Structure formats: structure tokens, C-alpha cells
PDB file of all heavy atoms in Angstrom:
ATOM      1  N   SER A   1      -5.049   6.572  -1.197  1.00  0.00           N
ATOM      2  CA  SER A   1      -6.406   6.644  -1.768  1.00  0.00           C
ATOM      3  C   SER A   1      -6.543   5.806  -3.032  1.00  0.00           C
ATOM      4  O   SER A   1      -7.104   6.249  -4.028  1.00  0.00           O
ATOM      5  CB  SER A   1      -6.782   8.105  -2.053  1.00  0.00           C
ATOM      6  OG  SER A   1      -6.716   8.872  -0.879  1.00  0.00           O
ATOM      7  N   GLY A   2      -5.983   4.604  -2.995  1.00  0.00           N
ATOM      8  CA  GLY A   2      -6.098   3.689  -4.123  1.00  0.00           C
ATOM      9  C   GLY A   2      -5.027   3.829  -5.178  1.00  0.00           C
ATOM     10  O   GLY A   2      -4.976   3.043  -6.131  1.00  0.00           O
ATOM     11  N   LYS A   3      -4.129   4.805  -5.030  1.00  0.00           N
ATOM     12  CA  LYS A   3      -3.044   4.976  -5.992  1.00  0.00           C
ATOM     13  C   LYS A   3      -1.900   4.045  -5.600  1.00  0.00           C
ATOM     14  O   LYS A   3      -1.315   4.173  -4.533  1.00  0.00           O
ATOM     15  CB  LYS A   3      -2.545   6.417  -5.996  1.00  0.00           C
ATOM     16  CG  LYS A   3      -3.580   7.425  -6.455  1.00  0.00           C
ATOM     17  CD  LYS A   3      -3.028   8.843  -6.400  1.00  0.00           C
ATOM     18  CE  LYS A   3      -4.089   9.852  -6.820  1.00  0.00           C
ATOM     19  NZ  LYS A   3      -3.583  11.248  -6.722  1.00  0.00           N
ATOM     20  N   ASP A   4      -1.585   3.112  -6.495  1.00  0.00           N
ATOM     21  CA  ASP A   4      -0.551   2.132  -6.165  1.00  0.00           C
ATOM     22  C   ASP A   4       0.614   2.122  -7.155  1.00  0.00           C
ATOM     23  O   ASP A   4       1.448   1.225  -7.136  1.00  0.00           O
ATOM     24  CB  ASP A   4      -1.147   0.724  -6.078  1.00  0.00           C
ATOM     25  CG  ASP A   4      -1.795   0.282  -7.394  1.00  0.00           C
ATOM     26  OD1 ASP A   4      -1.850   1.110  -8.333  1.00  0.00           O
ATOM     27  OD2 ASP A   4      -2.237  -0.867  -7.477  1.00  0.00           O
ATOM     28  N   GLU A   5       0.678   3.139  -8.016  1.00  0.00           N
ATOM     29  CA  GLU A   5       1.788   3.194  -8.958  1.00  0.00           C
ATOM     30  C   GLU A   5       3.082   3.470  -8.199  1.00  0.00           C
ATOM     31  O   GLU A   5       3.070   4.021  -7.106  1.00  0.00           O
ATOM     32  CB  GLU A   5       1.566   4.254 -10.037  1.00  0.00           C
ATOM     33  CG  GLU A   5       1.518   5.687  -9.518  1.00  0.00           C
ATOM     34  CD  GLU A   5       0.113   6.148  -9.253  1.00  0.00           C
ATOM     35  OE1 GLU A   5      -0.758   5.278  -9.052  1.00  0.00           O
ATOM     36  OE2 GLU A   5      -0.111   7.374  -9.203  1.00  0.00           O
ATOM     37  N   SER A   6       4.204   3.084  -8.788  1.00  0.00           N
ATOM     38  CA  SER A   6       5.490   3.266  -8.120  1.00  0.00           C
ATOM     39  C   SER A   6       5.780   4.752  -7.940  1.00  0.00           C
ATOM     40  O   SER A   6       5.502   5.571  -8.809  1.00  0.00           O
ATOM     41  CB  SER A   6       6.617   2.626  -8.942  1.00  0.00           C
ATOM     42  OG  SER A   6       6.677   3.192 -10.235  1.00  0.00           O
ATOM     43  N   VAL A   7       6.306   5.109  -6.765  1.00  0.00           N
ATOM     44  CA  VAL A   7       6.609   6.502  -6.464  1.00  0.00           C
ATOM     45  C   VAL A   7       7.989   6.587  -5.846  1.00  0.00           C
ATOM     46  O   VAL A   7       8.555   5.604  -5.391  1.00  0.00           O
ATOM     47  CB  VAL A   7       5.586   7.093  -5.474  1.00  0.00           C
ATOM     48  CG1 VAL A   7       4.202   7.132  -6.081  1.00  0.00           C
ATOM     49  CG2 VAL A   7       5.564   6.297  -4.183  1.00  0.00           C
ATOM     50  N   ALA A   8       8.523   7.796  -5.854  1.00  0.00           N
ATOM     51  CA  ALA A   8       9.783   8.034  -5.159  1.00  0.00           C
ATOM     52  C   ALA A   8       9.467   8.131  -3.672  1.00  0.00           C
ATOM     53  O   ALA A   8       8.662   8.958  -3.253  1.00  0.00           O
ATOM     54  CB  ALA A   8      10.419   9.331  -5.663  1.00  0.00           C
ATOM     55  N   ALA A   9      10.081   7.275  -2.873  1.00  0.00           N
ATOM     56  CA  ALA A   9       9.811   7.253  -1.439  1.00  0.00           C
ATOM     57  C   ALA A   9      11.094   6.971  -0.674  1.00  0.00           C
ATOM     58  O   ALA A   9      12.101   6.533  -1.245  1.00  0.00           O
ATOM     59  CB  ALA A   9       8.745   6.215  -1.115  1.00  0.00           C
ATOM     60  N   VAL A  10      11.033   7.221   0.625  1.00  0.00           N
ATOM     61  CA  VAL A  10      12.200   6.991   1.481  1.00  0.00           C
ATOM     62  C   VAL A  10      12.196   5.578   2.033  1.00  0.00           C
ATOM     63  O   VAL A  10      13.199   4.853   1.936  1.00  0.00           O
ATOM     64  CB  VAL A  10      12.214   8.006   2.652  1.00  0.00           C
ATOM     65  CG1 VAL A  10      13.385   7.702   3.601  1.00  0.00           C
ATOM     66  CG2 VAL A  10      12.303   9.427   2.119  1.00  0.00           C
ATOM     67  N   PHE A  11      11.064   5.152   2.578  1.00  0.00           N
ATOM     68  CA  PHE A  11      10.976   3.824   3.199  1.00  0.00           C
ATOM     69  C   PHE A  11      10.278   2.834   2.277  1.00  0.00           C
ATOM     70  O   PHE A  11       9.391   3.187   1.502  1.00  0.00           O
ATOM     71  CB  PHE A  11      10.225   3.906   4.529  1.00  0.00           C
ATOM     72  CG  PHE A  11      10.924   4.750   5.555  1.00  0.00           C
ATOM     73  CD1 PHE A  11      10.432   5.994   5.892  1.00  0.00           C
ATOM     74  CD2 PHE A  11      12.086   4.308   6.175  1.00  0.00           C
ATOM     75  CE1 PHE A  11      11.076   6.784   6.835  1.00  0.00           C
ATOM     76  CE2 PHE A  11      12.743   5.089   7.117  1.00  0.00           C
ATOM     77  CZ  PHE A  11      12.232   6.333   7.446  1.00  0.00           C
ATOM     78  N   ASP A  12      10.708   1.597   2.363  1.00  0.00           N
ATOM     79  CA  ASP A  12      10.144   0.508   1.572  1.00  0.00           C
ATOM     80  C   ASP A  12       9.182  -0.272   2.466  1.00  0.00           C
ATOM     81  O   ASP A  12       9.601  -1.039   3.334  1.00  0.00           O
ATOM     82  CB  ASP A  12      11.272  -0.400   1.075  1.00  0.00           C
ATOM     83  CG  ASP A  12      10.759  -1.546   0.209  1.00  0.00           C
ATOM     84  OD1 ASP A  12       9.553  -1.564  -0.112  1.00  0.00           O
ATOM     85  OD2 ASP A  12      11.575  -2.429  -0.132  1.00  0.00           O
ATOM     86  N   MET A  13       7.889  -0.035   2.268  1.00  0.00           N
ATOM     87  CA  MET A  13       6.867  -0.716   3.054  1.00  0.00           C
ATOM     88  C   MET A  13       5.847  -1.341   2.112  1.00  0.00           C
ATOM     89  O   MET A  13       5.616  -0.837   1.012  1.00  0.00           O
ATOM     90  CB  MET A  13       6.181   0.265   4.017  1.00  0.00           C
ATOM     91  CG  MET A  13       7.138   1.029   4.907  1.00  0.00           C
ATOM     92  SD  MET A  13       6.332   2.093   6.131  1.00  0.00           S
ATOM     93  CE  MET A  13       5.840   0.851   7.337  1.00  0.00           C
ATOM     94  N   SER A  14       5.242  -2.422   2.529  1.00  0.00           N
ATOM     95  CA  SER A  14       4.288  -3.104   1.653  1.00  0.00           C
ATOM     96  C   SER A  14       3.233  -3.834   2.478  1.00  0.00           C
ATOM     97  O   SER A  14       3.477  -4.216   3.624  1.00  0.00           O
ATOM     98  CB  SER A  14       5.012  -4.104   0.745  1.00  0.00           C
ATOM     99  OG  SER A  14       5.733  -5.047   1.519  1.00  0.00           O
ATOM    100  N   ASN A  15       2.065  -4.012   1.867  1.00  0.00           N
ATOM    101  CA  ASN A  15       0.992  -4.751   2.520  1.00  0.00           C
ATOM    102  C   ASN A  15       1.315  -6.232   2.588  1.00  0.00           C
ATOM    103  O   ASN A  15       1.937  -6.793   1.676  1.00  0.00           O
ATOM    104  CB  ASN A  15      -0.324  -4.572   1.759  1.00  0.00           C
ATOM    105  CG  ASN A  15      -0.965  -3.215   2.006  1.00  0.00           C
ATOM    106  OD1 ASN A  15      -0.472  -2.417   2.806  1.00  0.00           O
ATOM    107  ND2 ASN A  15      -2.056  -2.948   1.314  1.00  0.00           N
ATOM    108  N   VAL A  16       0.874  -6.871   3.649  1.00  0.00           N
ATOM    109  CA  VAL A  16       0.963  -8.325   3.767  1.00  0.00           C
ATOM    110  C   VAL A  16      -0.459  -8.847   3.607  1.00  0.00           C
ATOM    111  O   VAL A  16      -1.284  -8.750   4.512  1.00  0.00           O
ATOM    112  CB  VAL A  16       1.538  -8.748   5.139  1.00  0.00           C
ATOM    113  CG1 VAL A  16       1.560 -10.270   5.243  1.00  0.00           C
ATOM    114  CG2 VAL A  16       2.938  -8.177   5.330  1.00  0.00           C
ATOM    115  N   GLY A  17      -0.744  -9.362   2.424  1.00  0.00           N
ATOM    116  CA  GLY A  17      -2.102  -9.776   2.129  1.00  0.00           C
ATOM    117  C   GLY A  17      -2.970  -8.581   1.792  1.00  0.00           C
ATOM    118  O   GLY A  17      -2.501  -7.449   1.634  1.00  0.00           O
ATOM    119  N   SER A  18      -4.253  -8.843   1.687  1.00  0.00           N
ATOM    120  CA  SER A  18      -5.223  -7.801   1.349  1.00  0.00           C
ATOM    121  C   SER A  18      -6.403  -7.940   2.289  1.00  0.00           C
ATOM    122  O   SER A  18      -7.219  -8.848   2.142  1.00  0.00           O
ATOM    123  CB  SER A  18      -5.672  -7.964  -0.109  1.00  0.00           C
ATOM    124  OG  SER A  18      -6.612  -6.993  -0.475  1.00  0.00           O
ATOM    125  N   ASN A  19      -6.472  -7.074   3.276  1.00  0.00           N
ATOM    126  CA  ASN A  19      -7.480  -7.244   4.310  1.00  0.00           C
ATOM    127  C   ASN A  19      -7.907  -5.898   4.905  1.00  0.00           C
ATOM    128  O   ASN A  19      -7.377  -4.851   4.531  1.00  0.00           O
ATOM    129  CB  ASN A  19      -6.954  -8.170   5.410  1.00  0.00           C
ATOM    130  CG  ASN A  19      -5.598  -7.719   5.919  1.00  0.00           C
ATOM    131  OD1 ASN A  19      -5.479  -6.642   6.494  1.00  0.00           O
ATOM    132  ND2 ASN A  19      -4.559  -8.533   5.692  1.00  0.00           N
ATOM    133  N   VAL A  20      -8.826  -5.974   5.833  1.00  0.00           N
ATOM    134  CA  VAL A  20      -9.388  -4.760   6.429  1.00  0.00           C
ATOM    135  C   VAL A  20      -8.416  -4.102   7.406  1.00  0.00           C
ATOM    136  O   VAL A  20      -8.632  -2.967   7.820  1.00  0.00           O
ATOM    137  CB  VAL A  20     -10.730  -5.089   7.135  1.00  0.00           C
ATOM    138  CG1 VAL A  20     -10.482  -5.814   8.459  1.00  0.00           C
ATOM    139  CG2 VAL A  20     -11.572  -3.841   7.339  1.00  0.00           C
ATOM    140  N   LEU A  21      -7.334  -4.799   7.754  1.00  0.00           N
ATOM    141  CA  LEU A  21      -6.328  -4.202   8.638  1.00  0.00           C
ATOM    142  C   LEU A  21      -5.433  -3.229   7.877  1.00  0.00           C
ATOM    143  O   LEU A  21      -5.072  -2.168   8.389  1.00  0.00           O
ATOM    144  CB  LEU A  21      -5.476  -5.293   9.295  1.00  0.00           C
ATOM    145  CG  LEU A  21      -6.177  -6.176  10.327  1.00  0.00           C
ATOM    146  CD1 LEU A  21      -5.235  -7.260  10.828  1.00  0.00           C
ATOM    147  CD2 LEU A  21      -6.685  -5.342  11.500  1.00  0.00           C
ATOM    148  N   ASN A  22      -5.040  -3.610   6.651  1.00  0.00           N
ATOM    149  CA  ASN A  22      -4.164  -2.720   5.867  1.00  0.00           C
ATOM    150  C   ASN A  22      -4.904  -1.945   4.781  1.00  0.00           C
ATOM    151  O   ASN A  22      -4.304  -1.135   4.076  1.00  0.00           O
ATOM    152  CB  ASN A  22      -2.997  -3.503   5.250  1.00  0.00           C
ATOM    153  CG  ASN A  22      -3.453  -4.672   4.397  1.00  0.00           C
ATOM    154  OD1 ASN A  22      -4.482  -4.619   3.743  1.00  0.00           O
ATOM    155  ND2 ASN A  22      -2.676  -5.758   4.418  1.00  0.00           N
ATOM    156  N   GLY A  23      -6.195  -2.202   4.633  1.00  0.00           N
ATOM    157  CA  GLY A  23      -6.984  -1.458   3.654  1.00  0.00           C
ATOM    158  C   GLY A  23      -6.827  -1.928   2.227  1.00  0.00           C
ATOM    159  O   GLY A  23      -7.290  -1.253   1.301  1.00  0.00           O
ATOM    160  N   ALA A  24      -6.147  -3.080   2.043  1.00  0.00           N
ATOM    161  CA  ALA A  24      -5.953  -3.654   0.698  1.00  0.00           C
ATOM    162  C   ALA A  24      -5.334  -2.630  -0.254  1.00  0.00           C
ATOM    163  O   ALA A  24      -4.474  -1.859   0.151  1.00  0.00           O
ATOM    164  CB  ALA A  24      -7.285  -4.189   0.162  1.00  0.00           C
ATOM    165  N   ASP A  25      -5.806  -2.592  -1.496  1.00  0.00           N
ATOM    166  CA  ASP A  25      -5.204  -1.714  -2.509  1.00  0.00           C
ATOM    167  C   ASP A  25      -5.461  -0.232  -2.239  1.00  0.00           C
ATOM    168  O   ASP A  25      -4.730   0.624  -2.728  1.00  0.00           O
ATOM    169  CB  ASP A  25      -5.740  -2.066  -3.906  1.00  0.00           C
ATOM    170  CG  ASP A  25      -5.243  -3.417  -4.393  1.00  0.00           C
ATOM    171  OD1 ASP A  25      -4.208  -3.882  -3.869  1.00  0.00           O
ATOM    172  OD2 ASP A  25      -5.882  -4.002  -5.285  1.00  0.00           O
ATOM    173  N   TYR A  26      -6.496   0.079  -1.476  1.00  0.00           N
ATOM    174  CA  TYR A  26      -6.784   1.484  -1.207  1.00  0.00           C
ATOM    175  C   TYR A  26      -5.765   2.080  -0.242  1.00  0.00           C
ATOM    176  O   TYR A  26      -5.477   3.272  -0.272  1.00  0.00           O
ATOM    177  CB  TYR A  26      -8.194   1.640  -0.631  1.00  0.00           C
ATOM    178  CG  TYR A  26      -8.718   3.057  -0.734  1.00  0.00           C
ATOM    179  CD1 TYR A  26      -9.359   3.492  -1.887  1.00  0.00           C
ATOM    180  CD2 TYR A  26      -8.565   3.956   0.319  1.00  0.00           C
ATOM    181  CE1 TYR A  26      -9.837   4.796  -1.999  1.00  0.00           C
ATOM    182  CE2 TYR A  26      -9.039   5.254   0.223  1.00  0.00           C
ATOM    183  CZ  TYR A  26      -9.670   5.672  -0.938  1.00  0.00           C
ATOM    184  OH  TYR A  26     -10.120   6.964  -1.035  1.00  0.00           O
ATOM    185  N   GLY A  27      -5.198   1.245   0.631  1.00  0.00           N
ATOM    186  CA  GLY A  27      -4.201   1.728   1.583  1.00  0.00           C
ATOM    187  C   GLY A  27      -4.772   1.887   2.978  1.00  0.00           C
ATOM    188  O   GLY A  27      -5.933   1.573   3.243  1.00  0.00           O
TER     189      GLY A  27
END
């Protein structure tokens, strides 16, 4: 929901570009 600060997570995943497929910064 737009929160992009670093968090403790298990998997390392990231957006490729910023578009309507990945939801950009909102997720």
C-alpha cells in the first residue's frame, strides 16, 4: 500500500520498472 521502506523479509523481490503491471511504488 505504498510503503517502500526496508523491512525484514524472507524473499528478495523487486519491481522491474514502474508500470501498471507491478503497480509502481504502491505495489
